N, C-alpha and C. Protein backbone atom coordinates (compact mmCIF):
# COMPACT_ATOMS: atom_id res chain seq x y z
N MET A 1 21.74 -25.05 -26.32
CA MET A 1 20.72 -26.04 -26.00
C MET A 1 20.51 -26.08 -24.49
N PRO A 2 19.28 -25.96 -24.04
CA PRO A 2 19.04 -25.97 -22.60
C PRO A 2 19.19 -27.37 -21.99
N GLU A 3 19.47 -27.39 -20.70
CA GLU A 3 19.42 -28.62 -19.92
C GLU A 3 17.97 -28.77 -19.49
N ILE A 4 17.39 -29.95 -19.68
CA ILE A 4 15.99 -30.15 -19.33
C ILE A 4 15.88 -31.18 -18.22
N ASP A 5 15.29 -30.75 -17.11
CA ASP A 5 15.02 -31.64 -15.98
C ASP A 5 13.55 -32.03 -16.02
N ILE A 6 13.29 -33.31 -15.88
CA ILE A 6 11.92 -33.80 -15.70
C ILE A 6 11.75 -33.99 -14.20
N VAL A 7 10.82 -33.25 -13.61
CA VAL A 7 10.66 -33.21 -12.16
C VAL A 7 9.34 -33.87 -11.77
N LEU A 8 9.42 -34.93 -10.98
CA LEU A 8 8.22 -35.58 -10.45
C LEU A 8 8.03 -35.09 -9.02
N VAL A 9 6.91 -34.42 -8.79
CA VAL A 9 6.62 -33.84 -7.49
C VAL A 9 5.84 -34.85 -6.64
N GLU A 10 6.47 -35.33 -5.60
CA GLU A 10 5.86 -36.26 -4.64
C GLU A 10 5.15 -37.43 -5.30
N PRO A 11 5.86 -38.18 -6.15
CA PRO A 11 5.21 -39.34 -6.78
C PRO A 11 4.78 -40.36 -5.72
N LEU A 12 3.60 -40.92 -5.90
CA LEU A 12 3.02 -41.84 -4.93
C LEU A 12 3.38 -43.31 -5.19
N TYR A 13 3.59 -43.65 -6.45
CA TYR A 13 3.74 -45.06 -6.82
C TYR A 13 5.08 -45.29 -7.51
N GLU A 14 5.84 -46.22 -6.97
CA GLU A 14 7.17 -46.47 -7.52
C GLU A 14 7.12 -46.94 -8.97
N GLY A 15 6.08 -47.65 -9.34
CA GLY A 15 5.95 -48.10 -10.73
C GLY A 15 5.87 -46.92 -11.69
N ASN A 16 5.17 -45.86 -11.28
CA ASN A 16 5.07 -44.68 -12.13
C ASN A 16 6.41 -43.98 -12.30
N VAL A 17 7.23 -44.00 -11.26
CA VAL A 17 8.56 -43.41 -11.37
C VAL A 17 9.39 -44.21 -12.36
N GLY A 18 9.29 -45.53 -12.29
CA GLY A 18 9.99 -46.38 -13.25
C GLY A 18 9.52 -46.14 -14.67
N PHE A 19 8.21 -46.05 -14.86
CA PHE A 19 7.67 -45.76 -16.19
C PHE A 19 8.15 -44.41 -16.70
N ALA A 20 8.18 -43.42 -15.83
CA ALA A 20 8.64 -42.08 -16.24
C ALA A 20 10.09 -42.14 -16.71
N ALA A 21 10.93 -42.87 -16.00
CA ALA A 21 12.33 -43.02 -16.41
C ALA A 21 12.41 -43.69 -17.79
N ARG A 22 11.58 -44.69 -17.99
CA ARG A 22 11.58 -45.41 -19.27
C ARG A 22 11.16 -44.50 -20.43
N VAL A 23 10.08 -43.75 -20.23
CA VAL A 23 9.62 -42.82 -21.26
C VAL A 23 10.68 -41.75 -21.54
N MET A 24 11.27 -41.24 -20.46
CA MET A 24 12.32 -40.23 -20.63
C MET A 24 13.43 -40.75 -21.53
N LYS A 25 13.91 -41.94 -21.23
CA LYS A 25 15.02 -42.50 -22.01
C LYS A 25 14.60 -42.72 -23.47
N ASN A 26 13.37 -43.16 -23.69
CA ASN A 26 12.87 -43.36 -25.05
C ASN A 26 12.92 -42.07 -25.87
N PHE A 27 12.76 -40.93 -25.19
CA PHE A 27 12.75 -39.64 -25.88
C PHE A 27 14.04 -38.86 -25.71
N GLY A 28 15.07 -39.50 -25.17
CA GLY A 28 16.38 -38.88 -25.08
C GLY A 28 16.61 -37.97 -23.88
N PHE A 29 15.75 -38.04 -22.88
CA PHE A 29 15.95 -37.26 -21.67
C PHE A 29 16.59 -38.13 -20.60
N THR A 30 17.48 -37.55 -19.82
CA THR A 30 18.19 -38.33 -18.81
C THR A 30 18.17 -37.71 -17.42
N ARG A 31 17.69 -36.49 -17.30
CA ARG A 31 17.79 -35.75 -16.03
C ARG A 31 16.47 -35.83 -15.27
N LEU A 32 16.35 -36.86 -14.42
CA LEU A 32 15.16 -37.07 -13.61
C LEU A 32 15.39 -36.48 -12.22
N VAL A 33 14.45 -35.67 -11.76
CA VAL A 33 14.52 -35.06 -10.43
C VAL A 33 13.29 -35.52 -9.66
N LEU A 34 13.50 -35.95 -8.42
CA LEU A 34 12.40 -36.45 -7.59
C LEU A 34 12.26 -35.59 -6.34
N ILE A 35 11.07 -35.07 -6.14
CA ILE A 35 10.77 -34.28 -4.95
C ILE A 35 9.93 -35.13 -4.01
N ASN A 36 10.50 -35.46 -2.86
CA ASN A 36 9.82 -36.23 -1.83
C ASN A 36 9.13 -37.47 -2.41
N PRO A 37 9.91 -38.36 -3.04
CA PRO A 37 9.29 -39.52 -3.69
C PRO A 37 8.92 -40.62 -2.70
N CYS A 38 8.08 -41.53 -3.18
CA CYS A 38 7.79 -42.75 -2.45
C CYS A 38 9.07 -43.60 -2.43
N LYS A 39 9.05 -44.65 -1.65
CA LYS A 39 10.20 -45.56 -1.61
C LYS A 39 10.29 -46.28 -2.96
N LEU A 40 11.49 -46.32 -3.52
CA LEU A 40 11.70 -46.98 -4.81
C LEU A 40 12.34 -48.34 -4.59
N GLY A 41 11.85 -49.34 -5.31
CA GLY A 41 12.37 -50.69 -5.16
C GLY A 41 12.24 -51.48 -6.44
N ASN A 42 11.89 -52.75 -6.29
CA ASN A 42 11.84 -53.67 -7.42
C ASN A 42 10.83 -53.28 -8.49
N GLU A 43 9.68 -52.76 -8.06
CA GLU A 43 8.66 -52.38 -9.05
C GLU A 43 9.16 -51.23 -9.93
N ALA A 44 9.81 -50.25 -9.33
CA ALA A 44 10.37 -49.14 -10.11
C ALA A 44 11.41 -49.67 -11.09
N ASP A 45 12.27 -50.56 -10.63
CA ASP A 45 13.29 -51.15 -11.51
C ASP A 45 12.65 -51.91 -12.66
N GLY A 46 11.64 -52.71 -12.34
CA GLY A 46 10.98 -53.50 -13.37
C GLY A 46 10.30 -52.64 -14.42
N ARG A 47 9.66 -51.58 -14.00
CA ARG A 47 8.96 -50.71 -14.94
C ARG A 47 9.92 -49.83 -15.73
N ALA A 48 11.09 -49.56 -15.18
CA ALA A 48 12.07 -48.74 -15.89
C ALA A 48 12.64 -49.49 -17.08
N SER A 49 12.66 -50.82 -17.01
CA SER A 49 13.18 -51.65 -18.08
C SER A 49 14.61 -51.27 -18.43
N HIS A 50 14.85 -50.74 -19.60
CA HIS A 50 16.21 -50.41 -20.05
C HIS A 50 16.70 -49.04 -19.55
N ALA A 51 15.94 -48.40 -18.68
CA ALA A 51 16.29 -47.04 -18.23
C ALA A 51 16.75 -47.02 -16.77
N TYR A 52 17.44 -48.07 -16.34
CA TYR A 52 17.96 -48.10 -14.97
C TYR A 52 18.87 -46.91 -14.71
N ASP A 53 19.65 -46.53 -15.70
CA ASP A 53 20.59 -45.41 -15.51
C ASP A 53 19.84 -44.11 -15.21
N VAL A 54 18.72 -43.89 -15.87
CA VAL A 54 17.92 -42.69 -15.60
C VAL A 54 17.31 -42.79 -14.21
N LEU A 55 16.72 -43.94 -13.90
CA LEU A 55 16.07 -44.13 -12.60
C LEU A 55 17.07 -44.01 -11.46
N HIS A 56 18.19 -44.71 -11.57
CA HIS A 56 19.16 -44.72 -10.47
C HIS A 56 20.02 -43.46 -10.44
N GLY A 57 19.96 -42.68 -11.49
CA GLY A 57 20.65 -41.40 -11.50
C GLY A 57 19.75 -40.25 -11.10
N ALA A 58 18.52 -40.57 -10.68
CA ALA A 58 17.57 -39.52 -10.30
C ALA A 58 18.13 -38.71 -9.13
N GLU A 59 17.92 -37.42 -9.23
CA GLU A 59 18.42 -36.50 -8.20
C GLU A 59 17.30 -36.15 -7.22
N PRO A 60 17.50 -36.44 -5.93
CA PRO A 60 16.51 -35.96 -4.95
C PRO A 60 16.69 -34.46 -4.78
N CYS A 61 15.58 -33.77 -4.62
CA CYS A 61 15.65 -32.31 -4.59
C CYS A 61 14.43 -31.79 -3.84
N THR A 62 14.45 -30.51 -3.50
CA THR A 62 13.27 -29.86 -2.94
C THR A 62 12.66 -28.97 -4.01
N ILE A 63 11.41 -28.65 -3.85
CA ILE A 63 10.75 -27.76 -4.80
C ILE A 63 11.43 -26.39 -4.79
N GLU A 64 11.88 -25.96 -3.63
CA GLU A 64 12.58 -24.67 -3.54
C GLU A 64 13.85 -24.69 -4.36
N ASP A 65 14.60 -25.79 -4.30
CA ASP A 65 15.84 -25.91 -5.08
C ASP A 65 15.54 -25.87 -6.58
N VAL A 66 14.47 -26.53 -6.99
CA VAL A 66 14.12 -26.55 -8.41
C VAL A 66 13.85 -25.13 -8.90
N PHE A 67 13.05 -24.38 -8.17
CA PHE A 67 12.74 -23.00 -8.58
C PHE A 67 13.99 -22.12 -8.54
N ALA A 68 14.84 -22.33 -7.55
CA ALA A 68 16.02 -21.48 -7.40
C ALA A 68 17.04 -21.69 -8.52
N ARG A 69 17.19 -22.89 -8.99
CA ARG A 69 18.26 -23.17 -9.96
C ARG A 69 17.81 -23.18 -11.42
N SER A 70 16.52 -23.04 -11.66
CA SER A 70 15.99 -23.14 -13.02
C SER A 70 15.82 -21.76 -13.66
N ASN A 71 16.17 -21.68 -14.94
CA ASN A 71 15.92 -20.46 -15.69
C ASN A 71 14.44 -20.34 -16.03
N ILE A 72 13.83 -21.48 -16.33
CA ILE A 72 12.39 -21.55 -16.62
C ILE A 72 11.83 -22.79 -15.94
N VAL A 73 10.65 -22.64 -15.31
CA VAL A 73 9.94 -23.78 -14.74
C VAL A 73 8.59 -23.85 -15.45
N ILE A 74 8.29 -25.02 -15.97
CA ILE A 74 7.04 -25.24 -16.70
C ILE A 74 6.21 -26.23 -15.90
N SER A 75 4.98 -25.83 -15.58
CA SER A 75 4.10 -26.76 -14.88
C SER A 75 3.20 -27.45 -15.89
N THR A 76 2.76 -28.65 -15.56
CA THR A 76 1.93 -29.43 -16.46
C THR A 76 0.62 -29.79 -15.77
N PRO A 77 -0.24 -28.80 -15.53
CA PRO A 77 -1.52 -29.11 -14.90
C PRO A 77 -2.37 -29.96 -15.83
N GLY A 78 -3.22 -30.76 -15.21
CA GLY A 78 -4.01 -31.71 -15.98
C GLY A 78 -5.21 -31.15 -16.70
N ALA A 79 -5.79 -30.09 -16.17
CA ALA A 79 -7.02 -29.58 -16.75
C ALA A 79 -7.11 -28.08 -16.56
N VAL A 80 -7.92 -27.45 -17.36
CA VAL A 80 -8.15 -26.02 -17.26
C VAL A 80 -9.03 -25.74 -16.04
N SER A 81 -8.73 -24.66 -15.33
CA SER A 81 -9.49 -24.25 -14.15
C SER A 81 -10.96 -24.03 -14.48
N LYS A 82 -11.81 -24.44 -13.59
CA LYS A 82 -13.24 -24.23 -13.78
C LYS A 82 -13.79 -23.24 -12.75
N SER A 83 -13.00 -22.93 -11.72
CA SER A 83 -13.45 -21.97 -10.71
C SER A 83 -12.25 -21.36 -10.00
N VAL A 84 -12.49 -20.35 -9.19
CA VAL A 84 -11.40 -19.71 -8.46
C VAL A 84 -10.83 -20.61 -7.37
N CYS A 85 -11.51 -21.69 -7.05
CA CYS A 85 -11.03 -22.61 -6.02
C CYS A 85 -9.95 -23.56 -6.54
N HIS A 86 -9.78 -23.59 -7.84
CA HIS A 86 -8.80 -24.48 -8.44
C HIS A 86 -7.58 -23.70 -8.90
N ALA A 87 -6.51 -24.43 -9.17
CA ALA A 87 -5.25 -23.80 -9.57
C ALA A 87 -5.39 -23.00 -10.85
N MET A 88 -4.58 -21.96 -10.95
CA MET A 88 -4.52 -21.18 -12.19
C MET A 88 -3.90 -22.06 -13.27
N ARG A 89 -4.50 -22.10 -14.42
CA ARG A 89 -4.02 -22.98 -15.49
C ARG A 89 -3.64 -22.19 -16.74
N MET A 90 -3.46 -20.91 -16.62
CA MET A 90 -3.18 -20.10 -17.80
C MET A 90 -1.88 -19.36 -17.61
N PRO A 91 -1.16 -19.02 -18.62
CA PRO A 91 -1.52 -19.31 -20.00
C PRO A 91 -1.21 -20.76 -20.37
N PHE A 92 -1.95 -21.25 -21.29
CA PHE A 92 -1.76 -22.61 -21.79
C PHE A 92 -1.00 -22.53 -23.10
N TYR A 93 0.03 -23.34 -23.24
CA TYR A 93 0.80 -23.38 -24.49
C TYR A 93 0.76 -24.80 -25.05
N SER A 94 0.58 -24.90 -26.34
CA SER A 94 0.68 -26.20 -27.00
C SER A 94 2.16 -26.59 -27.01
N PRO A 95 2.46 -27.87 -27.23
CA PRO A 95 3.87 -28.26 -27.33
C PRO A 95 4.64 -27.46 -28.39
N LYS A 96 4.01 -27.18 -29.51
CA LYS A 96 4.66 -26.40 -30.56
C LYS A 96 4.97 -24.98 -30.09
N GLU A 97 3.99 -24.34 -29.43
CA GLU A 97 4.20 -22.99 -28.91
C GLU A 97 5.28 -22.98 -27.83
N LEU A 98 5.28 -23.99 -26.99
CA LEU A 98 6.27 -24.08 -25.93
C LEU A 98 7.67 -24.25 -26.51
N ARG A 99 7.79 -25.09 -27.52
CA ARG A 99 9.08 -25.28 -28.17
C ARG A 99 9.63 -23.95 -28.70
N GLU A 100 8.76 -23.16 -29.30
CA GLU A 100 9.18 -21.84 -29.81
C GLU A 100 9.64 -20.93 -28.68
N ARG A 101 8.94 -20.96 -27.56
CA ARG A 101 9.26 -20.08 -26.44
C ARG A 101 10.58 -20.43 -25.77
N ILE A 102 10.97 -21.71 -25.80
CA ILE A 102 12.18 -22.12 -25.08
C ILE A 102 13.37 -22.41 -25.98
N LYS A 103 13.21 -22.30 -27.28
CA LYS A 103 14.26 -22.73 -28.20
C LYS A 103 15.59 -22.01 -28.00
N ASP A 104 15.57 -20.76 -27.55
CA ASP A 104 16.80 -20.00 -27.40
C ASP A 104 17.28 -19.90 -25.95
N VAL A 105 16.67 -20.66 -25.06
CA VAL A 105 17.06 -20.62 -23.65
C VAL A 105 18.42 -21.30 -23.49
N ASP A 106 19.30 -20.62 -22.80
CA ASP A 106 20.61 -21.19 -22.48
C ASP A 106 20.66 -21.35 -20.98
N GLY A 107 20.38 -22.52 -20.50
CA GLY A 107 20.33 -22.75 -19.06
C GLY A 107 19.48 -23.96 -18.76
N ARG A 108 18.86 -23.95 -17.60
CA ARG A 108 18.11 -25.11 -17.12
C ARG A 108 16.61 -24.84 -17.21
N ILE A 109 15.91 -25.80 -17.79
CA ILE A 109 14.45 -25.78 -17.85
C ILE A 109 13.96 -26.98 -17.05
N SER A 110 13.08 -26.72 -16.11
CA SER A 110 12.50 -27.79 -15.31
C SER A 110 11.02 -27.93 -15.67
N ILE A 111 10.62 -29.16 -15.96
CA ILE A 111 9.22 -29.44 -16.29
C ILE A 111 8.63 -30.23 -15.13
N LEU A 112 7.66 -29.62 -14.45
CA LEU A 112 7.06 -30.21 -13.26
C LEU A 112 5.86 -31.08 -13.60
N PHE A 113 5.85 -32.28 -13.07
CA PHE A 113 4.70 -33.17 -13.16
C PHE A 113 4.21 -33.40 -11.73
N GLY A 114 2.92 -33.19 -11.50
CA GLY A 114 2.37 -33.23 -10.15
C GLY A 114 2.04 -34.62 -9.65
N ARG A 115 1.53 -34.61 -8.46
CA ARG A 115 1.15 -35.83 -7.75
C ARG A 115 0.07 -36.57 -8.52
N GLU A 116 0.11 -37.89 -8.46
CA GLU A 116 -0.87 -38.68 -9.19
C GLU A 116 -2.29 -38.43 -8.72
N ASN A 117 -2.48 -38.15 -7.45
CA ASN A 117 -3.84 -38.02 -6.92
C ASN A 117 -4.45 -36.63 -7.08
N TRP A 118 -3.63 -35.56 -7.10
CA TRP A 118 -4.23 -34.23 -7.26
C TRP A 118 -3.34 -33.23 -7.96
N GLY A 119 -2.27 -33.66 -8.53
CA GLY A 119 -1.45 -32.78 -9.38
C GLY A 119 -0.60 -31.81 -8.60
N LEU A 120 -0.44 -30.62 -9.17
CA LEU A 120 0.35 -29.55 -8.56
C LEU A 120 -0.58 -28.65 -7.75
N ASN A 121 -0.07 -28.07 -6.68
CA ASN A 121 -0.92 -27.16 -5.92
C ASN A 121 -0.88 -25.76 -6.52
N ASN A 122 -1.75 -24.90 -6.05
CA ASN A 122 -1.87 -23.55 -6.61
C ASN A 122 -0.54 -22.80 -6.58
N GLU A 123 0.16 -22.88 -5.49
CA GLU A 123 1.42 -22.15 -5.34
C GLU A 123 2.45 -22.63 -6.37
N GLU A 124 2.54 -23.93 -6.56
CA GLU A 124 3.48 -24.49 -7.53
C GLU A 124 3.17 -24.01 -8.95
N VAL A 125 1.89 -23.99 -9.29
CA VAL A 125 1.48 -23.54 -10.62
C VAL A 125 1.73 -22.06 -10.79
N LYS A 126 1.40 -21.27 -9.79
CA LYS A 126 1.59 -19.82 -9.86
C LYS A 126 3.06 -19.44 -10.02
N ARG A 127 3.95 -20.18 -9.38
CA ARG A 127 5.37 -19.86 -9.43
C ARG A 127 6.01 -20.20 -10.77
N SER A 128 5.40 -21.08 -11.52
CA SER A 128 6.03 -21.49 -12.79
C SER A 128 5.59 -20.62 -13.94
C-alpha cells in the first residue's frame, strides 16, 4: 500500500488549509504537506474541526523535496488546456483509471493541489 501525501502548493487562505485537513481526515488521509503556506491560525483550526492532528501534523516542504522523494507525483489541474499559453493538462485520468494505475505502487505518491488563484504552473504540471 502506498503512502499518500496531499500537497497544498502555496495555499493563500488559512481556512482552506483547515478545510483540506478536515476532508482528508474524513477520507482516512493523514499526510498533509504544505509548500510555502499562508500563516495558519484560529481560522485554520476552526475549519479543521476534528482534524487538528492532520492540520498540526502538516509537514512544511519545498516543491523540489516533494518531487525528489515521491515515486509518483499527480497534479490536479482545474481545467483542460485551451491554448499553448496554458499548462499542459494531459493525459487526463478519471479517479477509477488513476486508482488502477497506482494500485501496485510501493512507495510515496504525492497529489498536488495548486494555488487557489491560478492553480499549478506549467513546470509543476509538466514534472508530474
